[in-house]
Amino acid sequence: MSEVPTSIAIVIAGLGGASGDGAALVSLAAPHLEGVHTELCVLASRPGFAAHERILAAASGLVFVTGTYWDGWSSHLQRFLEEATPTEATELWLGKPAAVWVTGHSVGGKGVLSRLQGVLSSFGCTIPPMSGLVITRANELARAHDREAARDLFGPDDLVVSVHNLLESVRGTRRYRAWEVDRGDASQPWLGR
């Protein structure tokens, strides 16, 4: 029995398109997708759902990448999701693993991540463990200043786990990995110390 090839459709939904932070994140993930067939769907270049439906249907896994705009995802992604609604709960989505990567300047990205994972789940996708992350300029500045103190913040290194877990889910092998987690006592006061 031959193995079915893995194909990942990557939807770059940020307003910056192929030259934005989302595309930079995809470039950082590229070495971890080596040997996997990937197809890019850049919504800034080809807006809407119909232009990308064939690629999404053929993919065995999905990655959605968006910026954070006033606590929401991009207008490109909003249009895409609205136009994709008639395909909800169809073979295009049903059971297909999806990762979500969000960029942002400072705040709001975690809300975007959680909401988008919820929408994709409603469409029919599965969400592999630790496959969603938020990379912000604020986090990167904090990590550059004091990497140890900022070790519980999302960073580009977390792409390794996200890609690994997405591919494990696609292949059905489920040898998931976890990223580093701060296991200190989160109930301890920290403000003003």
N, C-alpha and C. Protein backbone atom coordinates (compact mmCIF):
# COMPACT_ATOMS: atom_id res chain seq x y z
N MET A 1 0.85 -1.17 0.00
CA MET A 1 0.00 0.00 0.00
C MET A 1 0.90 1.24 0.00
N SER A 2 0.71 2.13 -0.96
CA SER A 2 1.54 3.33 -1.03
C SER A 2 0.93 4.43 -0.18
N GLU A 3 1.82 5.27 0.36
CA GLU A 3 1.38 6.37 1.22
C GLU A 3 0.78 7.48 0.36
N VAL A 4 -0.33 8.04 0.81
CA VAL A 4 -0.96 9.16 0.11
C VAL A 4 -0.09 10.39 0.33
N PRO A 5 0.26 11.12 -0.74
CA PRO A 5 1.10 12.30 -0.56
C PRO A 5 0.39 13.37 0.26
N THR A 6 1.16 14.07 1.05
CA THR A 6 0.63 15.14 1.87
C THR A 6 0.65 16.44 1.09
N SER A 7 -0.47 17.12 1.07
CA SER A 7 -0.59 18.40 0.38
C SER A 7 -1.21 19.39 1.35
N ILE A 8 -0.53 20.51 1.55
CA ILE A 8 -1.01 21.54 2.48
C ILE A 8 -1.34 22.80 1.70
N ALA A 9 -2.56 23.29 1.85
CA ALA A 9 -2.95 24.58 1.30
C ALA A 9 -2.73 25.64 2.37
N ILE A 10 -1.98 26.66 2.03
CA ILE A 10 -1.67 27.74 2.97
C ILE A 10 -2.40 29.00 2.50
N VAL A 11 -3.36 29.44 3.28
CA VAL A 11 -4.14 30.63 2.96
C VAL A 11 -3.50 31.82 3.67
N ILE A 12 -2.84 32.68 2.89
CA ILE A 12 -2.24 33.90 3.43
C ILE A 12 -3.30 34.99 3.29
N ALA A 13 -3.88 35.38 4.41
CA ALA A 13 -5.04 36.26 4.39
C ALA A 13 -4.73 37.68 4.84
N GLY A 14 -3.50 37.97 5.22
CA GLY A 14 -3.16 39.31 5.70
C GLY A 14 -3.24 40.36 4.60
N LEU A 15 -3.44 41.59 5.00
CA LEU A 15 -3.54 42.68 4.04
C LEU A 15 -2.23 42.89 3.28
N GLY A 16 -1.11 42.49 3.88
CA GLY A 16 0.20 42.64 3.22
C GLY A 16 0.44 41.61 2.14
N GLY A 17 -0.44 40.62 2.01
CA GLY A 17 -0.31 39.61 0.97
C GLY A 17 1.03 38.90 0.99
N ALA A 18 1.62 38.74 -0.16
CA ALA A 18 2.87 37.98 -0.31
C ALA A 18 4.07 38.70 0.27
N SER A 19 3.92 39.96 0.67
CA SER A 19 5.07 40.67 1.25
C SER A 19 4.81 41.08 2.70
N GLY A 20 3.75 40.57 3.30
CA GLY A 20 3.41 40.93 4.68
C GLY A 20 4.01 40.00 5.71
N ASP A 21 3.68 40.26 6.96
CA ASP A 21 4.19 39.45 8.08
C ASP A 21 3.72 38.00 8.00
N GLY A 22 2.51 37.76 7.53
CA GLY A 22 2.02 36.39 7.38
C GLY A 22 2.87 35.60 6.41
N ALA A 23 3.24 36.23 5.29
CA ALA A 23 4.10 35.57 4.31
C ALA A 23 5.48 35.31 4.90
N ALA A 24 5.97 36.23 5.72
CA ALA A 24 7.26 36.02 6.40
C ALA A 24 7.17 34.83 7.34
N LEU A 25 6.05 34.67 8.02
CA LEU A 25 5.85 33.53 8.91
C LEU A 25 5.85 32.23 8.12
N VAL A 26 5.21 32.23 6.96
CA VAL A 26 5.20 31.05 6.10
C VAL A 26 6.62 30.72 5.65
N SER A 27 7.42 31.72 5.34
CA SER A 27 8.82 31.49 4.96
C SER A 27 9.61 30.85 6.10
N LEU A 28 9.36 31.30 7.33
CA LEU A 28 10.03 30.70 8.49
C LEU A 28 9.62 29.24 8.69
N ALA A 29 8.39 28.91 8.31
CA ALA A 29 7.89 27.54 8.47
C ALA A 29 8.34 26.62 7.34
N ALA A 30 8.75 27.20 6.22
CA ALA A 30 9.06 26.42 5.01
C ALA A 30 10.05 25.28 5.25
N PRO A 31 11.14 25.47 6.00
CA PRO A 31 12.06 24.34 6.20
C PRO A 31 11.41 23.14 6.90
N HIS A 32 10.37 23.39 7.67
CA HIS A 32 9.69 22.32 8.41
C HIS A 32 8.62 21.64 7.55
N LEU A 33 8.38 22.21 6.37
CA LEU A 33 7.43 21.64 5.42
C LEU A 33 8.16 21.00 4.24
N GLU A 34 9.47 20.86 4.38
CA GLU A 34 10.26 20.28 3.29
C GLU A 34 9.76 18.87 2.95
N GLY A 35 9.60 18.62 1.68
CA GLY A 35 9.10 17.32 1.23
C GLY A 35 7.59 17.23 1.19
N VAL A 36 6.91 18.29 1.62
CA VAL A 36 5.45 18.34 1.61
C VAL A 36 5.04 19.28 0.48
N HIS A 37 4.09 18.84 -0.33
CA HIS A 37 3.59 19.70 -1.40
C HIS A 37 2.74 20.81 -0.78
N THR A 38 3.10 22.06 -1.02
CA THR A 38 2.32 23.19 -0.51
C THR A 38 1.82 24.04 -1.66
N GLU A 39 0.66 24.58 -1.47
CA GLU A 39 0.05 25.52 -2.43
C GLU A 39 -0.34 26.76 -1.65
N LEU A 40 0.09 27.92 -2.14
CA LEU A 40 -0.26 29.18 -1.48
C LEU A 40 -1.52 29.77 -2.09
N CYS A 41 -2.38 30.26 -1.23
CA CYS A 41 -3.57 31.00 -1.63
C CYS A 41 -3.44 32.38 -1.01
N VAL A 42 -3.00 33.35 -1.79
CA VAL A 42 -2.76 34.71 -1.28
C VAL A 42 -4.01 35.54 -1.59
N LEU A 43 -4.78 35.82 -0.56
CA LEU A 43 -6.07 36.46 -0.75
C LEU A 43 -5.94 37.91 -1.21
N ALA A 44 -4.84 38.59 -0.88
CA ALA A 44 -4.66 39.97 -1.33
C ALA A 44 -4.48 40.02 -2.85
N SER A 45 -3.92 38.96 -3.42
CA SER A 45 -3.69 38.90 -4.87
C SER A 45 -4.91 38.36 -5.62
N ARG A 46 -5.57 37.38 -5.00
CA ARG A 46 -6.75 36.75 -5.62
C ARG A 46 -7.83 36.67 -4.56
N PRO A 47 -8.61 37.73 -4.40
CA PRO A 47 -9.61 37.77 -3.33
C PRO A 47 -10.72 36.74 -3.51
N GLY A 48 -11.36 36.46 -2.39
CA GLY A 48 -12.54 35.59 -2.40
C GLY A 48 -12.20 34.12 -2.27
N PHE A 49 -13.25 33.33 -2.20
CA PHE A 49 -13.13 31.89 -2.00
C PHE A 49 -12.99 31.12 -3.31
N ALA A 50 -13.76 31.48 -4.31
CA ALA A 50 -13.83 30.70 -5.55
C ALA A 50 -12.46 30.53 -6.20
N ALA A 51 -11.62 31.53 -6.12
CA ALA A 51 -10.30 31.47 -6.76
C ALA A 51 -9.41 30.39 -6.14
N HIS A 52 -9.75 29.94 -4.94
CA HIS A 52 -8.90 29.00 -4.20
C HIS A 52 -9.59 27.67 -3.88
N GLU A 53 -10.83 27.53 -4.23
CA GLU A 53 -11.62 26.36 -3.85
C GLU A 53 -10.98 25.05 -4.32
N ARG A 54 -10.48 25.00 -5.54
CA ARG A 54 -9.88 23.78 -6.08
C ARG A 54 -8.66 23.37 -5.26
N ILE A 55 -7.83 24.34 -4.90
CA ILE A 55 -6.62 24.05 -4.11
C ILE A 55 -7.01 23.52 -2.74
N LEU A 56 -7.98 24.16 -2.10
CA LEU A 56 -8.43 23.73 -0.76
C LEU A 56 -9.02 22.32 -0.81
N ALA A 57 -9.79 22.04 -1.85
CA ALA A 57 -10.43 20.73 -1.97
C ALA A 57 -9.40 19.63 -2.14
N ALA A 58 -8.31 19.91 -2.85
CA ALA A 58 -7.28 18.90 -3.12
C ALA A 58 -6.32 18.70 -1.95
N ALA A 59 -6.28 19.65 -1.03
CA ALA A 59 -5.32 19.60 0.08
C ALA A 59 -5.74 18.59 1.13
N SER A 60 -4.74 17.98 1.77
CA SER A 60 -5.01 17.06 2.88
C SER A 60 -4.94 17.78 4.23
N GLY A 61 -4.43 19.01 4.23
CA GLY A 61 -4.36 19.82 5.44
C GLY A 61 -4.34 21.29 5.06
N LEU A 62 -4.68 22.15 6.02
CA LEU A 62 -4.80 23.58 5.76
C LEU A 62 -4.03 24.38 6.79
N VAL A 63 -3.50 25.52 6.36
CA VAL A 63 -2.93 26.52 7.26
C VAL A 63 -3.58 27.85 6.91
N PHE A 64 -4.11 28.53 7.90
CA PHE A 64 -4.65 29.87 7.71
C PHE A 64 -3.75 30.85 8.44
N VAL A 65 -3.32 31.89 7.72
CA VAL A 65 -2.42 32.90 8.28
C VAL A 65 -3.08 34.25 8.09
N THR A 66 -3.26 34.98 9.18
CA THR A 66 -3.87 36.31 9.08
C THR A 66 -3.21 37.26 10.05
N GLY A 67 -3.27 38.53 9.73
CA GLY A 67 -2.87 39.56 10.67
C GLY A 67 -4.04 39.85 11.61
N THR A 68 -3.78 40.74 12.56
CA THR A 68 -4.80 41.17 13.51
C THR A 68 -5.12 42.63 13.19
N TYR A 69 -6.39 42.90 12.95
CA TYR A 69 -6.83 44.24 12.57
C TYR A 69 -7.98 44.63 13.48
N TRP A 70 -7.72 45.52 14.43
CA TRP A 70 -8.74 45.96 15.37
C TRP A 70 -9.45 44.76 16.01
N ASP A 71 -8.65 43.85 16.55
CA ASP A 71 -9.14 42.66 17.26
C ASP A 71 -9.87 41.66 16.37
N GLY A 72 -9.66 41.73 15.07
CA GLY A 72 -10.29 40.79 14.16
C GLY A 72 -9.31 40.34 13.09
N TRP A 73 -9.76 39.38 12.27
CA TRP A 73 -8.92 38.95 11.15
C TRP A 73 -9.11 39.92 10.00
N SER A 74 -8.38 39.69 8.93
CA SER A 74 -8.39 40.62 7.80
C SER A 74 -9.74 40.65 7.09
N SER A 75 -9.98 41.75 6.41
CA SER A 75 -11.19 41.86 5.59
C SER A 75 -11.15 40.84 4.45
N HIS A 76 -9.96 40.50 3.96
CA HIS A 76 -9.84 39.47 2.93
C HIS A 76 -10.36 38.12 3.45
N LEU A 77 -9.98 37.79 4.70
CA LEU A 77 -10.41 36.52 5.26
C LEU A 77 -11.91 36.54 5.56
N GLN A 78 -12.43 37.68 6.00
CA GLN A 78 -13.87 37.78 6.25
C GLN A 78 -14.65 37.48 4.98
N ARG A 79 -14.23 38.09 3.88
CA ARG A 79 -14.91 37.85 2.59
C ARG A 79 -14.80 36.37 2.20
N PHE A 80 -13.60 35.82 2.34
CA PHE A 80 -13.34 34.41 2.01
C PHE A 80 -14.29 33.50 2.77
N LEU A 81 -14.40 33.70 4.09
CA LEU A 81 -15.25 32.86 4.92
C LEU A 81 -16.72 33.01 4.56
N GLU A 82 -17.14 34.24 4.29
CA GLU A 82 -18.54 34.46 3.91
C GLU A 82 -18.85 33.73 2.61
N GLU A 83 -17.95 33.83 1.64
CA GLU A 83 -18.19 33.18 0.35
C GLU A 83 -18.07 31.66 0.44
N ALA A 84 -17.29 31.16 1.42
CA ALA A 84 -17.11 29.72 1.59
C ALA A 84 -18.26 29.07 2.36
N THR A 85 -19.13 29.85 2.96
CA THR A 85 -20.19 29.32 3.81
C THR A 85 -21.03 28.23 3.15
N PRO A 86 -21.38 28.33 1.87
CA PRO A 86 -22.17 27.24 1.26
C PRO A 86 -21.46 25.89 1.25
N THR A 87 -20.12 25.89 1.43
CA THR A 87 -19.38 24.62 1.43
C THR A 87 -19.20 24.07 2.84
N GLU A 88 -19.73 24.77 3.85
CA GLU A 88 -19.62 24.32 5.24
C GLU A 88 -20.11 22.88 5.35
N ALA A 89 -19.40 22.08 6.13
CA ALA A 89 -19.77 20.69 6.42
C ALA A 89 -19.81 19.82 5.17
N THR A 90 -18.98 20.17 4.18
CA THR A 90 -18.85 19.33 2.99
C THR A 90 -17.48 18.65 3.02
N GLU A 91 -17.26 17.78 2.07
CA GLU A 91 -16.00 17.04 1.97
C GLU A 91 -14.79 17.98 1.89
N LEU A 92 -14.98 19.18 1.38
CA LEU A 92 -13.88 20.13 1.29
C LEU A 92 -13.25 20.38 2.66
N TRP A 93 -14.06 20.41 3.71
CA TRP A 93 -13.61 20.74 5.06
C TRP A 93 -13.65 19.56 6.03
N LEU A 94 -14.61 18.68 5.91
CA LEU A 94 -14.95 17.70 6.93
C LEU A 94 -13.77 16.80 7.31
N GLY A 95 -13.31 16.96 8.55
CA GLY A 95 -12.22 16.17 9.08
C GLY A 95 -10.84 16.60 8.65
N LYS A 96 -10.73 17.66 7.88
CA LYS A 96 -9.43 18.12 7.37
C LYS A 96 -8.71 18.91 8.47
N PRO A 97 -7.49 18.50 8.84
CA PRO A 97 -6.75 19.23 9.87
C PRO A 97 -6.38 20.64 9.41
N ALA A 98 -6.51 21.60 10.34
CA ALA A 98 -6.20 23.00 10.03
C ALA A 98 -5.39 23.64 11.16
N ALA A 99 -4.31 24.30 10.78
CA ALA A 99 -3.52 25.10 11.71
C ALA A 99 -3.85 26.56 11.45
N VAL A 100 -3.68 27.40 12.48
CA VAL A 100 -3.93 28.83 12.35
C VAL A 100 -2.74 29.59 12.93
N TRP A 101 -2.20 30.50 12.12
CA TRP A 101 -1.09 31.36 12.56
C TRP A 101 -1.53 32.81 12.42
N VAL A 102 -1.41 33.55 13.51
CA VAL A 102 -1.86 34.94 13.55
C VAL A 102 -0.67 35.83 13.85
N THR A 103 -0.58 36.94 13.12
CA THR A 103 0.42 37.95 13.43
C THR A 103 -0.30 39.18 13.94
N GLY A 104 0.43 40.05 14.59
CA GLY A 104 -0.16 41.29 15.07
C GLY A 104 0.91 42.21 15.60
N HIS A 105 0.54 43.45 15.79
CA HIS A 105 1.48 44.43 16.31
C HIS A 105 1.66 44.27 17.81
N SER A 106 0.54 44.25 18.54
CA SER A 106 0.68 44.16 19.99
C SER A 106 -0.37 43.25 20.63
N VAL A 107 -1.64 43.58 20.52
CA VAL A 107 -2.66 42.83 21.25
C VAL A 107 -3.79 42.41 20.33
N GLY A 108 -4.63 41.48 20.79
CA GLY A 108 -5.83 41.06 20.08
C GLY A 108 -5.68 39.77 19.31
N GLY A 109 -4.45 39.33 19.10
CA GLY A 109 -4.21 38.15 18.26
C GLY A 109 -4.76 36.86 18.84
N LYS A 110 -4.73 36.68 20.15
CA LYS A 110 -5.21 35.43 20.74
C LYS A 110 -6.71 35.29 20.55
N GLY A 111 -7.43 36.41 20.60
CA GLY A 111 -8.86 36.36 20.33
C GLY A 111 -9.13 35.97 18.88
N VAL A 112 -8.32 36.50 17.95
CA VAL A 112 -8.45 36.15 16.54
C VAL A 112 -8.19 34.66 16.35
N LEU A 113 -7.13 34.16 16.97
CA LEU A 113 -6.79 32.74 16.88
C LEU A 113 -7.95 31.86 17.35
N SER A 114 -8.44 32.12 18.54
CA SER A 114 -9.52 31.29 19.11
C SER A 114 -10.78 31.35 18.26
N ARG A 115 -11.15 32.54 17.81
CA ARG A 115 -12.36 32.68 16.99
C ARG A 115 -12.21 31.96 15.66
N LEU A 116 -11.04 32.09 15.02
CA LEU A 116 -10.85 31.44 13.72
C LEU A 116 -10.83 29.93 13.86
N GLN A 117 -10.21 29.41 14.93
CA GLN A 117 -10.26 27.97 15.15
C GLN A 117 -11.70 27.51 15.34
N GLY A 118 -12.50 28.30 16.01
CA GLY A 118 -13.91 27.96 16.20
C GLY A 118 -14.68 27.94 14.88
N VAL A 119 -14.41 28.91 14.02
CA VAL A 119 -15.08 28.96 12.72
C VAL A 119 -14.66 27.74 11.88
N LEU A 120 -13.36 27.45 11.86
CA LEU A 120 -12.88 26.30 11.07
C LEU A 120 -13.46 24.99 11.59
N SER A 121 -13.60 24.88 12.89
CA SER A 121 -14.23 23.69 13.47
C SER A 121 -15.69 23.59 13.02
N SER A 122 -16.39 24.73 13.00
CA SER A 122 -17.78 24.73 12.53
C SER A 122 -17.88 24.38 11.05
N PHE A 123 -16.88 24.77 10.27
CA PHE A 123 -16.86 24.39 8.86
C PHE A 123 -16.67 22.88 8.71
N GLY A 124 -16.05 22.24 9.72
CA GLY A 124 -15.85 20.79 9.68
C GLY A 124 -14.42 20.35 9.88
N CYS A 125 -13.50 21.31 10.01
CA CYS A 125 -12.08 20.96 10.17
C CYS A 125 -11.80 20.40 11.56
N THR A 126 -10.72 19.65 11.67
CA THR A 126 -10.19 19.26 12.97
C THR A 126 -9.05 20.22 13.30
N ILE A 127 -8.86 20.46 14.57
CA ILE A 127 -7.81 21.37 15.04
C ILE A 127 -6.80 20.53 15.82
N PRO A 128 -5.63 20.26 15.23
CA PRO A 128 -4.61 19.48 15.95
C PRO A 128 -4.13 20.23 17.20
N PRO A 129 -3.64 19.51 18.19
CA PRO A 129 -3.14 20.17 19.39
C PRO A 129 -1.96 21.07 19.07
N MET A 130 -1.92 22.19 19.74
CA MET A 130 -0.82 23.15 19.64
C MET A 130 -0.46 23.48 18.19
N SER A 131 -1.49 23.67 17.38
CA SER A 131 -1.26 24.02 15.98
C SER A 131 -1.58 25.48 15.70
N GLY A 132 -2.11 26.19 16.68
CA GLY A 132 -2.42 27.61 16.51
C GLY A 132 -1.50 28.46 17.35
N LEU A 133 -1.03 29.55 16.76
CA LEU A 133 -0.13 30.43 17.52
C LEU A 133 -0.28 31.87 17.06
N VAL A 134 0.22 32.78 17.90
CA VAL A 134 0.15 34.21 17.64
C VAL A 134 1.55 34.78 17.79
N ILE A 135 2.06 35.38 16.73
CA ILE A 135 3.37 36.02 16.76
C ILE A 135 3.15 37.52 16.66
N THR A 136 3.57 38.27 17.68
CA THR A 136 3.37 39.72 17.67
C THR A 136 4.71 40.45 17.75
N ARG A 137 4.68 41.67 17.28
CA ARG A 137 5.87 42.53 17.40
C ARG A 137 6.21 42.73 18.87
N ALA A 138 5.19 42.92 19.71
CA ALA A 138 5.42 43.12 21.14
C ALA A 138 6.11 41.90 21.76
N ASN A 139 5.67 40.69 21.40
CA ASN A 139 6.32 39.48 21.91
C ASN A 139 7.76 39.40 21.46
N GLU A 140 8.01 39.71 20.19
CA GLU A 140 9.38 39.63 19.66
C GLU A 140 10.29 40.64 20.32
N LEU A 141 9.78 41.84 20.63
CA LEU A 141 10.58 42.83 21.36
C LEU A 141 10.89 42.33 22.77
N ALA A 142 9.89 41.75 23.43
CA ALA A 142 10.10 41.21 24.78
C ALA A 142 11.11 40.06 24.75
N ARG A 143 11.01 39.18 23.76
CA ARG A 143 11.93 38.04 23.66
C ARG A 143 13.35 38.52 23.37
N ALA A 144 13.49 39.58 22.58
CA ALA A 144 14.82 40.12 22.29
C ALA A 144 15.42 40.77 23.52
N HIS A 145 14.58 41.34 24.37
CA HIS A 145 15.05 42.03 25.57
C HIS A 145 15.43 41.03 26.67
N ASP A 146 14.59 40.05 26.93
CA ASP A 146 14.85 39.08 28.00
C ASP A 146 14.19 37.76 27.63
N ARG A 147 14.93 36.95 26.89
CA ARG A 147 14.38 35.70 26.36
C ARG A 147 13.87 34.77 27.46
N GLU A 148 14.56 34.72 28.59
CA GLU A 148 14.13 33.84 29.67
C GLU A 148 12.80 34.30 30.27
N ALA A 149 12.67 35.58 30.52
CA ALA A 149 11.43 36.10 31.10
C ALA A 149 10.27 35.96 30.12
N ALA A 150 10.56 35.98 28.82
CA ALA A 150 9.52 35.91 27.80
C ALA A 150 9.34 34.52 27.23
N ARG A 151 9.86 33.50 27.92
CA ARG A 151 9.83 32.15 27.35
C ARG A 151 8.43 31.57 27.19
N ASP A 152 7.43 32.12 27.85
CA ASP A 152 6.07 31.62 27.73
C ASP A 152 5.27 32.38 26.67
N LEU A 153 5.95 33.26 25.95
CA LEU A 153 5.29 33.97 24.86
C LEU A 153 5.49 33.20 23.56
N PHE A 154 4.49 33.23 22.69
CA PHE A 154 4.65 32.60 21.38
C PHE A 154 5.81 33.25 20.65
N GLY A 155 6.55 32.43 19.89
CA GLY A 155 7.62 32.93 19.05
C GLY A 155 7.75 32.07 17.81
N PRO A 156 8.55 32.51 16.85
CA PRO A 156 8.72 31.74 15.62
C PRO A 156 9.17 30.30 15.84
N ASP A 157 9.88 30.03 16.93
CA ASP A 157 10.30 28.65 17.22
C ASP A 157 9.11 27.71 17.38
N ASP A 158 7.97 28.26 17.78
CA ASP A 158 6.78 27.43 17.99
C ASP A 158 6.19 26.91 16.68
N LEU A 159 6.63 27.48 15.55
CA LEU A 159 6.18 26.97 14.25
C LEU A 159 6.57 25.51 14.07
N VAL A 160 7.70 25.10 14.64
CA VAL A 160 8.17 23.72 14.51
C VAL A 160 7.10 22.76 15.04
N VAL A 161 6.57 23.06 16.22
CA VAL A 161 5.56 22.20 16.84
C VAL A 161 4.25 22.28 16.07
N SER A 162 3.86 23.48 15.67
CA SER A 162 2.61 23.64 14.93
C SER A 162 2.63 22.83 13.64
N VAL A 163 3.70 22.96 12.85
CA VAL A 163 3.81 22.21 11.59
C VAL A 163 3.86 20.72 11.87
N HIS A 164 4.66 20.31 12.85
CA HIS A 164 4.77 18.88 13.17
C HIS A 164 3.40 18.30 13.52
N ASN A 165 2.65 18.98 14.38
CA ASN A 165 1.36 18.45 14.83
C ASN A 165 0.33 18.45 13.70
N LEU A 166 0.39 19.46 12.82
CA LEU A 166 -0.50 19.46 11.67
C LEU A 166 -0.21 18.25 10.78
N LEU A 167 1.06 18.02 10.49
CA LEU A 167 1.42 16.89 9.62
C LEU A 167 1.10 15.55 10.28
N GLU A 168 1.29 15.44 11.58
CA GLU A 168 0.92 14.21 12.29
C GLU A 168 -0.58 13.95 12.16
N SER A 169 -1.36 14.99 12.29
CA SER A 169 -2.81 14.84 12.18
C SER A 169 -3.21 14.46 10.76
N VAL A 170 -2.59 15.10 9.77
CA VAL A 170 -2.89 14.79 8.37
C VAL A 170 -2.57 13.33 8.07
N ARG A 171 -1.44 12.86 8.57
CA ARG A 171 -0.99 11.49 8.28
C ARG A 171 -1.65 10.45 9.17
N GLY A 172 -2.35 10.89 10.20
CA GLY A 172 -3.04 9.95 11.08
C GLY A 172 -2.12 9.24 12.06
N THR A 173 -0.88 9.73 12.19
CA THR A 173 0.08 9.06 13.07
C THR A 173 0.00 9.58 14.50
N ARG A 174 -0.36 10.80 14.68
CA ARG A 174 -0.66 11.41 15.98
C ARG A 174 0.45 11.27 17.03
N ARG A 175 1.69 11.40 16.60
CA ARG A 175 2.82 11.48 17.54
C ARG A 175 3.07 12.96 17.83
N TYR A 176 2.14 13.55 18.54
CA TYR A 176 2.15 15.00 18.76
C TYR A 176 3.29 15.42 19.68
N ARG A 177 3.70 16.66 19.50
CA ARG A 177 4.71 17.29 20.36
C ARG A 177 4.07 18.46 21.08
N ALA A 178 4.71 18.89 22.14
CA ALA A 178 4.26 20.08 22.88
C ALA A 178 5.38 21.11 22.86
N TRP A 179 4.97 22.36 22.81
CA TRP A 179 5.99 23.40 22.94
C TRP A 179 6.25 23.67 24.39
N GLU A 180 7.28 24.46 24.66
CA GLU A 180 7.65 24.77 26.05
C GLU A 180 6.50 25.50 26.72
N VAL A 181 6.23 25.11 27.94
CA VAL A 181 5.16 25.72 28.72
C VAL A 181 5.73 26.17 30.05
N ASP A 182 5.39 27.39 30.47
CA ASP A 182 5.82 27.89 31.76
C ASP A 182 5.02 27.17 32.84
N ARG A 183 5.69 26.36 33.62
CA ARG A 183 5.01 25.57 34.64
C ARG A 183 5.17 26.18 36.03
N GLY A 184 5.59 27.46 36.06
CA GLY A 184 5.70 28.17 37.33
C GLY A 184 4.32 28.42 37.91
N ASP A 185 4.27 28.96 39.08
CA ASP A 185 3.01 29.22 39.74
C ASP A 185 2.42 30.52 39.21
N ALA A 186 1.47 30.41 38.28
CA ALA A 186 0.87 31.58 37.65
C ALA A 186 0.04 32.41 38.62
N SER A 187 -0.27 31.88 39.79
CA SER A 187 -1.09 32.63 40.75
C SER A 187 -0.26 33.59 41.58
N GLN A 188 1.06 33.54 41.45
CA GLN A 188 1.92 34.44 42.22
C GLN A 188 1.85 35.85 41.67
N PRO A 189 1.75 36.87 42.56
CA PRO A 189 1.69 38.26 42.09
C PRO A 189 2.98 38.61 41.33
N TRP A 190 2.84 39.42 40.29
CA TRP A 190 4.00 39.84 39.52
C TRP A 190 3.99 41.35 39.28
N LEU A 191 2.83 41.98 39.38
CA LEU A 191 2.70 43.40 39.10
C LEU A 191 3.38 44.23 40.18
N GLY A 192 4.25 45.12 39.78
CA GLY A 192 4.95 45.99 40.72
C GLY A 192 6.13 45.35 41.39
N ARG A 193 6.55 44.19 40.96
CA ARG A 193 7.70 43.53 41.59
C ARG A 193 8.95 43.75 40.81
